[in-house]
Each structure stands twice: as structure tokens, then as C-alpha cells.
Amino acid sequence: MTKIPILEVYKDKKGLYRFRLLARSGAQVFMSEGYEKKSTALATAQKLSEWTTKALLVDADKKADAASKTTGKQSLKQAAHKKAETSKAKPSANKKVA
């Protein structure tokens, strides 16, 4: 057993390069798609290693809320509600204001 998780790059039975995340116990946690070039698999595994230290954990049930906080985008429901509120507050351009 190792003290840290491992990203292991290997060649599969079809001749494609993949990487897998091994837990501290040695159990496979994740396996990547296949890559034609070993260098691509290595580079992608390296990026994953860097990204995961900065990754945001998102609960799928609260995904829309988290996405709006991280990307600045609102869920469709929130955007529709905000649009409705805005249209109620503004007078129509066709109406004459005395």
C-alpha cells in the first residue's frame, strides 16, 4: 500500500494508452479513455493531477446553484424569473408617460 493516490499510465489490450487513478489501498477508482499516444495520456494525467487540487466539489442535486456561482450563469428557471421581474418594473416603450 502507498500513502498517496497514484495516477498510473499503461497500455491496454487494444494498444491504447490509458491512465487510472488508484486509491491508497491500490483499488482502481477511475480509468480514462484510450489515447493513441503515450505522451497524450501522460499529459492528460498530469493536467488531472493539477486540476484536482483546485477542483470544486459539487453536489449534483445543487448543481444549478453551484454552476451559477462559479460561472456567473444562472439556471434557466432563475433567468426566466429575473426577466419577468425586470419586465414588470420597466414601463413599455410603446406607452406614453404623462
Protein backbone atom coordinates (compact mmCIF):
# COMPACT_ATOMS: atom_id res chain seq x y z
CA MET A 1 0.00 0.00 0.00
CA THR A 2 1.06 3.57 -0.64
CA LYS A 3 0.34 6.69 1.38
CA ILE A 4 -0.91 8.72 -1.59
CA PRO A 5 -3.22 8.02 -4.54
CA ILE A 6 -1.45 7.16 -7.81
CA LEU A 7 -2.20 8.08 -11.43
CA GLU A 8 -0.81 5.18 -13.44
CA VAL A 9 -0.33 5.32 -17.22
CA TYR A 10 -0.47 1.96 -19.00
CA LYS A 11 -1.10 0.33 -22.39
CA ASP A 12 -4.39 -1.60 -22.62
CA LYS A 13 -5.10 -4.84 -24.54
CA LYS A 14 -6.15 -2.88 -27.65
CA GLY A 15 -2.84 -0.99 -27.73
CA LEU A 16 -4.25 2.31 -26.47
CA TYR A 17 -2.71 4.27 -23.61
CA ARG A 18 -4.88 4.97 -20.61
CA PHE A 19 -4.38 6.21 -17.10
CA ARG A 20 -6.13 5.11 -13.95
CA LEU A 21 -6.43 6.56 -10.51
CA LEU A 22 -5.52 4.08 -7.82
CA ALA A 23 -6.66 4.61 -4.24
CA ARG A 24 -4.29 4.31 -1.32
CA SER A 25 -5.41 0.70 -0.99
CA GLY A 26 -4.48 0.02 -4.62
CA ALA A 27 -8.10 -0.26 -5.78
CA GLN A 28 -8.91 1.34 -9.13
CA VAL A 29 -11.08 4.43 -8.66
CA PHE A 30 -11.11 5.86 -12.18
CA MET A 31 -9.97 4.87 -15.69
CA SER A 32 -9.51 7.30 -18.57
CA GLU A 33 -10.48 6.98 -22.20
CA GLY A 34 -7.89 5.46 -24.57
CA TYR A 35 -5.22 7.59 -26.24
CA GLU A 36 -3.19 6.73 -29.36
CA LYS A 37 -0.04 8.37 -27.99
CA LYS A 38 1.54 7.73 -24.62
CA SER A 39 2.58 11.38 -24.41
CA THR A 40 -1.07 12.48 -24.64
CA ALA A 41 -2.10 10.10 -21.85
CA LEU A 42 0.79 11.33 -19.68
CA ALA A 43 -0.01 15.00 -20.34
CA THR A 44 -3.71 14.50 -19.60
CA ALA A 45 -2.95 12.60 -16.39
CA GLN A 46 -0.61 15.44 -15.35
CA LYS A 47 -3.35 18.03 -16.00
CA LEU A 48 -5.84 15.98 -14.00
CA SER A 49 -3.38 15.82 -11.12
CA GLU A 50 -3.03 19.61 -11.15
CA TRP A 51 -6.74 20.32 -11.61
CA THR A 52 -7.94 18.08 -8.81
CA THR A 53 -6.07 20.11 -6.22
CA LYS A 54 -8.15 23.11 -7.33
CA ALA A 55 -11.39 21.26 -8.12
CA LEU A 56 -14.73 22.39 -6.77
CA LEU A 57 -16.82 19.60 -5.28
CA VAL A 58 -20.42 19.95 -6.49
CA ASP A 59 -23.46 18.09 -5.19
CA ALA A 60 -25.45 17.03 -8.28
CA ASP A 61 -28.70 17.95 -6.51
CA LYS A 62 -27.46 21.51 -6.15
CA LYS A 63 -25.61 21.65 -9.48
CA ALA A 64 -27.52 24.61 -10.95
CA ASP A 65 -26.86 26.78 -7.92
CA ALA A 66 -23.16 25.90 -7.85
CA ALA A 67 -22.78 26.47 -11.59
CA SER A 68 -24.25 29.95 -11.33
CA LYS A 69 -21.86 30.82 -8.51
CA THR A 70 -18.76 29.58 -10.34
CA THR A 71 -19.56 30.65 -13.92
CA GLY A 72 -21.79 33.64 -13.33
CA LYS A 73 -24.52 31.90 -15.30
CA GLN A 74 -27.97 31.42 -13.88
CA SER A 75 -30.19 28.39 -14.21
CA LEU A 76 -32.96 28.74 -16.78
CA LYS A 77 -35.56 28.99 -14.04
CA GLN A 78 -33.65 31.79 -12.28
CA ALA A 79 -33.10 33.67 -15.55
CA ALA A 80 -36.79 33.46 -16.50
CA HIS A 81 -37.84 34.71 -13.06
CA LYS A 82 -35.39 37.61 -13.22
CA LYS A 83 -36.56 38.51 -16.75
CA ALA A 84 -40.19 38.53 -15.60
CA GLU A 85 -39.34 40.76 -12.63
CA THR A 86 -37.42 43.18 -14.87
CA SER A 87 -40.20 43.43 -17.45
CA LYS A 88 -42.75 44.25 -14.71
CA ALA A 89 -40.57 47.05 -13.36
CA LYS A 90 -39.89 48.81 -16.70
CA PRO A 91 -42.62 50.80 -18.48
CA SER A 92 -43.22 49.72 -22.06
CA ALA A 93 -41.61 51.83 -24.79
CA ASN A 94 -44.98 51.99 -26.61
CA LYS A 95 -46.79 53.58 -23.65
CA LYS A 96 -46.77 57.33 -23.31
CA VAL A 97 -45.75 58.65 -19.91
CA ALA A 98 -47.52 61.87 -18.93
